[in-house]
Amino acid sequence: MKLEISEQYFMLLVSALNDAITYNEKFLSSETVKDVSDYEEHLLCLESCQGWLEEEYNRIAKENENLLPYDKLVRRR
């Protein structure tokens, strides 16, 4: 299956996923929830998806000069 997405939405997707990971990391450390196991599993899934998306983004960015470098979209923790 192939997904068609605009350059702007692709960059937004990368940024939004990074924001979701950052939010969930802070949520887990906030002591808001007593049982964090489900949230930890969710965070692992987000991080796994981010790894895949980074590979895809970098592969596509080699052929598309309109895409910002991945490291400019994602703040490394």
N, C-alpha and C. Protein backbone atom coordinates (compact mmCIF):
# COMPACT_ATOMS: atom_id res chain seq x y z
N MET A 1 0.86 -1.17 0.00
CA MET A 1 0.00 0.00 0.00
C MET A 1 0.90 1.23 0.00
N LYS A 2 0.53 2.22 -0.77
CA LYS A 2 1.30 3.46 -0.86
C LYS A 2 0.41 4.62 -0.44
N LEU A 3 0.98 5.49 0.35
CA LEU A 3 0.25 6.65 0.85
C LEU A 3 0.71 7.89 0.09
N GLU A 4 -0.22 8.64 -0.43
CA GLU A 4 0.09 9.91 -1.09
C GLU A 4 -0.13 11.02 -0.06
N ILE A 5 0.91 11.86 0.14
CA ILE A 5 0.82 12.93 1.13
C ILE A 5 1.63 14.13 0.63
N SER A 6 1.13 15.31 0.89
CA SER A 6 1.85 16.51 0.46
C SER A 6 3.11 16.69 1.32
N GLU A 7 4.04 17.45 0.81
CA GLU A 7 5.28 17.71 1.55
C GLU A 7 4.98 18.38 2.90
N GLN A 8 4.06 19.35 2.89
CA GLN A 8 3.73 20.06 4.12
C GLN A 8 3.12 19.14 5.16
N TYR A 9 2.20 18.27 4.73
CA TYR A 9 1.57 17.34 5.67
C TYR A 9 2.56 16.29 6.16
N PHE A 10 3.48 15.89 5.31
CA PHE A 10 4.49 14.91 5.70
C PHE A 10 5.37 15.49 6.81
N MET A 11 5.81 16.74 6.64
CA MET A 11 6.62 17.39 7.66
C MET A 11 5.81 17.61 8.94
N LEU A 12 4.53 17.96 8.78
CA LEU A 12 3.66 18.14 9.94
C LEU A 12 3.46 16.82 10.69
N LEU A 13 3.33 15.73 9.96
CA LEU A 13 3.18 14.41 10.58
C LEU A 13 4.40 14.06 11.43
N VAL A 14 5.59 14.31 10.90
CA VAL A 14 6.82 14.05 11.64
C VAL A 14 6.85 14.88 12.92
N SER A 15 6.53 16.16 12.80
CA SER A 15 6.54 17.05 13.95
C SER A 15 5.48 16.67 14.98
N ALA A 16 4.29 16.33 14.51
CA ALA A 16 3.19 15.96 15.42
C ALA A 16 3.50 14.67 16.18
N LEU A 17 4.12 13.72 15.53
CA LEU A 17 4.48 12.48 16.21
C LEU A 17 5.52 12.75 17.28
N ASN A 18 6.48 13.61 16.97
CA ASN A 18 7.48 13.98 17.96
C ASN A 18 6.83 14.69 19.16
N ASP A 19 5.88 15.58 18.90
CA ASP A 19 5.16 16.26 19.97
C ASP A 19 4.37 15.27 20.83
N ALA A 20 3.76 14.28 20.20
CA ALA A 20 3.00 13.27 20.94
C ALA A 20 3.91 12.47 21.87
N ILE A 21 5.10 12.16 21.40
CA ILE A 21 6.05 11.42 22.24
C ILE A 21 6.49 12.27 23.41
N THR A 22 6.82 13.53 23.15
CA THR A 22 7.23 14.44 24.21
C THR A 22 6.12 14.59 25.25
N TYR A 23 4.89 14.78 24.80
CA TYR A 23 3.75 14.92 25.71
C TYR A 23 3.58 13.67 26.58
N ASN A 24 3.63 12.50 25.95
CA ASN A 24 3.43 11.26 26.70
C ASN A 24 4.56 10.99 27.68
N GLU A 25 5.78 11.36 27.34
CA GLU A 25 6.89 11.20 28.29
C GLU A 25 6.66 12.07 29.52
N LYS A 26 6.23 13.30 29.31
CA LYS A 26 5.96 14.20 30.43
C LYS A 26 4.75 13.73 31.23
N PHE A 27 3.75 13.21 30.54
CA PHE A 27 2.56 12.68 31.20
C PHE A 27 2.92 11.53 32.13
N LEU A 28 3.77 10.63 31.67
CA LEU A 28 4.17 9.48 32.49
C LEU A 28 4.95 9.90 33.73
N SER A 29 5.72 10.96 33.62
CA SER A 29 6.51 11.39 34.77
C SER A 29 5.75 12.36 35.67
N SER A 30 4.52 12.70 35.32
CA SER A 30 3.75 13.66 36.11
C SER A 30 3.02 13.04 37.30
N GLU A 31 3.03 11.74 37.38
CA GLU A 31 2.34 11.01 38.46
C GLU A 31 0.83 11.24 38.43
N THR A 32 0.29 11.54 37.26
CA THR A 32 -1.15 11.72 37.09
C THR A 32 -1.88 10.38 37.11
N VAL A 33 -1.24 9.36 36.57
CA VAL A 33 -1.85 8.03 36.50
C VAL A 33 -1.13 7.09 37.46
N LYS A 34 -1.91 6.20 38.06
CA LYS A 34 -1.31 5.25 39.00
C LYS A 34 -0.68 4.07 38.28
N ASP A 35 -1.39 3.52 37.30
CA ASP A 35 -0.86 2.38 36.54
C ASP A 35 -0.43 2.87 35.17
N VAL A 36 0.87 2.99 35.00
CA VAL A 36 1.40 3.56 33.76
C VAL A 36 1.69 2.51 32.69
N SER A 37 1.46 1.24 32.97
CA SER A 37 1.86 0.19 32.04
C SER A 37 1.23 0.34 30.65
N ASP A 38 -0.06 0.66 30.58
CA ASP A 38 -0.70 0.85 29.28
C ASP A 38 -0.11 2.05 28.55
N TYR A 39 0.17 3.09 29.29
CA TYR A 39 0.73 4.31 28.69
C TYR A 39 2.16 4.08 28.23
N GLU A 40 2.90 3.28 28.98
CA GLU A 40 4.27 2.96 28.57
C GLU A 40 4.26 2.17 27.27
N GLU A 41 3.33 1.24 27.15
CA GLU A 41 3.21 0.46 25.91
C GLU A 41 2.85 1.37 24.74
N HIS A 42 1.94 2.30 24.99
CA HIS A 42 1.55 3.26 23.95
C HIS A 42 2.76 4.10 23.53
N LEU A 43 3.55 4.54 24.49
CA LEU A 43 4.74 5.34 24.19
C LEU A 43 5.74 4.53 23.37
N LEU A 44 5.91 3.26 23.70
CA LEU A 44 6.81 2.40 22.92
C LEU A 44 6.33 2.27 21.47
N CYS A 45 5.03 2.16 21.29
CA CYS A 45 4.48 2.09 19.93
C CYS A 45 4.73 3.39 19.17
N LEU A 46 4.56 4.53 19.85
CA LEU A 46 4.83 5.82 19.22
C LEU A 46 6.30 5.93 18.82
N GLU A 47 7.18 5.49 19.69
CA GLU A 47 8.62 5.57 19.40
C GLU A 47 9.01 4.63 18.27
N SER A 48 8.38 3.47 18.22
CA SER A 48 8.63 2.54 17.12
C SER A 48 8.17 3.13 15.80
N CYS A 49 7.00 3.75 15.82
CA CYS A 49 6.47 4.41 14.62
C CYS A 49 7.40 5.55 14.20
N GLN A 50 7.93 6.27 15.16
CA GLN A 50 8.83 7.37 14.85
C GLN A 50 10.11 6.86 14.17
N GLY A 51 10.63 5.74 14.63
CA GLY A 51 11.81 5.16 14.00
C GLY A 51 11.56 4.81 12.55
N TRP A 52 10.42 4.19 12.30
CA TRP A 52 10.06 3.85 10.92
C TRP A 52 9.87 5.11 10.08
N LEU A 53 9.16 6.11 10.65
CA LEU A 53 8.88 7.33 9.92
C LEU A 53 10.17 8.10 9.61
N GLU A 54 11.12 8.08 10.52
CA GLU A 54 12.39 8.74 10.28
C GLU A 54 13.12 8.11 9.09
N GLU A 55 13.14 6.80 9.04
CA GLU A 55 13.78 6.10 7.91
C GLU A 55 13.10 6.47 6.60
N GLU A 56 11.78 6.45 6.59
CA GLU A 56 11.03 6.79 5.37
C GLU A 56 11.26 8.24 4.98
N TYR A 57 11.22 9.12 5.96
CA TYR A 57 11.40 10.54 5.69
C TYR A 57 12.78 10.79 5.08
N ASN A 58 13.81 10.25 5.69
CA ASN A 58 15.17 10.45 5.18
C ASN A 58 15.36 9.86 3.79
N ARG A 59 14.72 8.73 3.54
CA ARG A 59 14.79 8.11 2.21
C ARG A 59 14.15 9.02 1.16
N ILE A 60 12.98 9.54 1.48
CA ILE A 60 12.25 10.39 0.55
C ILE A 60 12.92 11.76 0.41
N ALA A 61 13.48 12.27 1.50
CA ALA A 61 14.12 13.59 1.48
C ALA A 61 15.34 13.62 0.56
N LYS A 62 15.99 12.47 0.36
CA LYS A 62 17.14 12.43 -0.55
C LYS A 62 16.74 12.81 -1.97
N GLU A 63 15.50 12.51 -2.32
CA GLU A 63 15.01 12.78 -3.66
C GLU A 63 14.14 14.04 -3.74
N ASN A 64 13.92 14.70 -2.59
CA ASN A 64 13.02 15.84 -2.56
C ASN A 64 13.65 16.98 -1.76
N GLU A 65 14.16 17.96 -2.45
CA GLU A 65 14.85 19.06 -1.79
C GLU A 65 13.91 20.02 -1.07
N ASN A 66 12.60 19.88 -1.26
CA ASN A 66 11.64 20.74 -0.58
C ASN A 66 11.41 20.33 0.88
N LEU A 67 11.81 19.13 1.24
CA LEU A 67 11.63 18.67 2.62
C LEU A 67 12.77 19.19 3.49
N LEU A 68 12.40 19.70 4.64
CA LEU A 68 13.40 20.13 5.61
C LEU A 68 14.17 18.92 6.12
N PRO A 69 15.40 19.10 6.56
CA PRO A 69 16.12 17.98 7.17
C PRO A 69 15.36 17.47 8.40
N TYR A 70 15.38 16.17 8.58
CA TYR A 70 14.62 15.55 9.67
C TYR A 70 14.97 16.16 11.03
N ASP A 71 16.25 16.40 11.26
CA ASP A 71 16.68 16.94 12.55
C ASP A 71 16.18 18.35 12.82
N LYS A 72 15.77 19.06 11.79
CA LYS A 72 15.19 20.39 12.01
C LYS A 72 13.71 20.29 12.43
N LEU A 73 13.08 19.17 12.12
CA LEU A 73 11.68 18.96 12.50
C LEU A 73 11.54 18.33 13.87
N VAL A 74 12.54 17.56 14.27
CA VAL A 74 12.46 16.78 15.50
C VAL A 74 13.55 17.22 16.46
N ARG A 75 13.12 17.57 17.65
CA ARG A 75 14.10 17.89 18.69
C ARG A 75 14.51 16.60 19.36
N ARG A 76 15.78 16.36 19.38
CA ARG A 76 16.30 15.14 20.01
C ARG A 76 16.29 15.32 21.53
N ARG A 77 15.89 14.24 22.19
CA ARG A 77 15.86 14.26 23.66
C ARG A 77 17.14 13.75 24.20
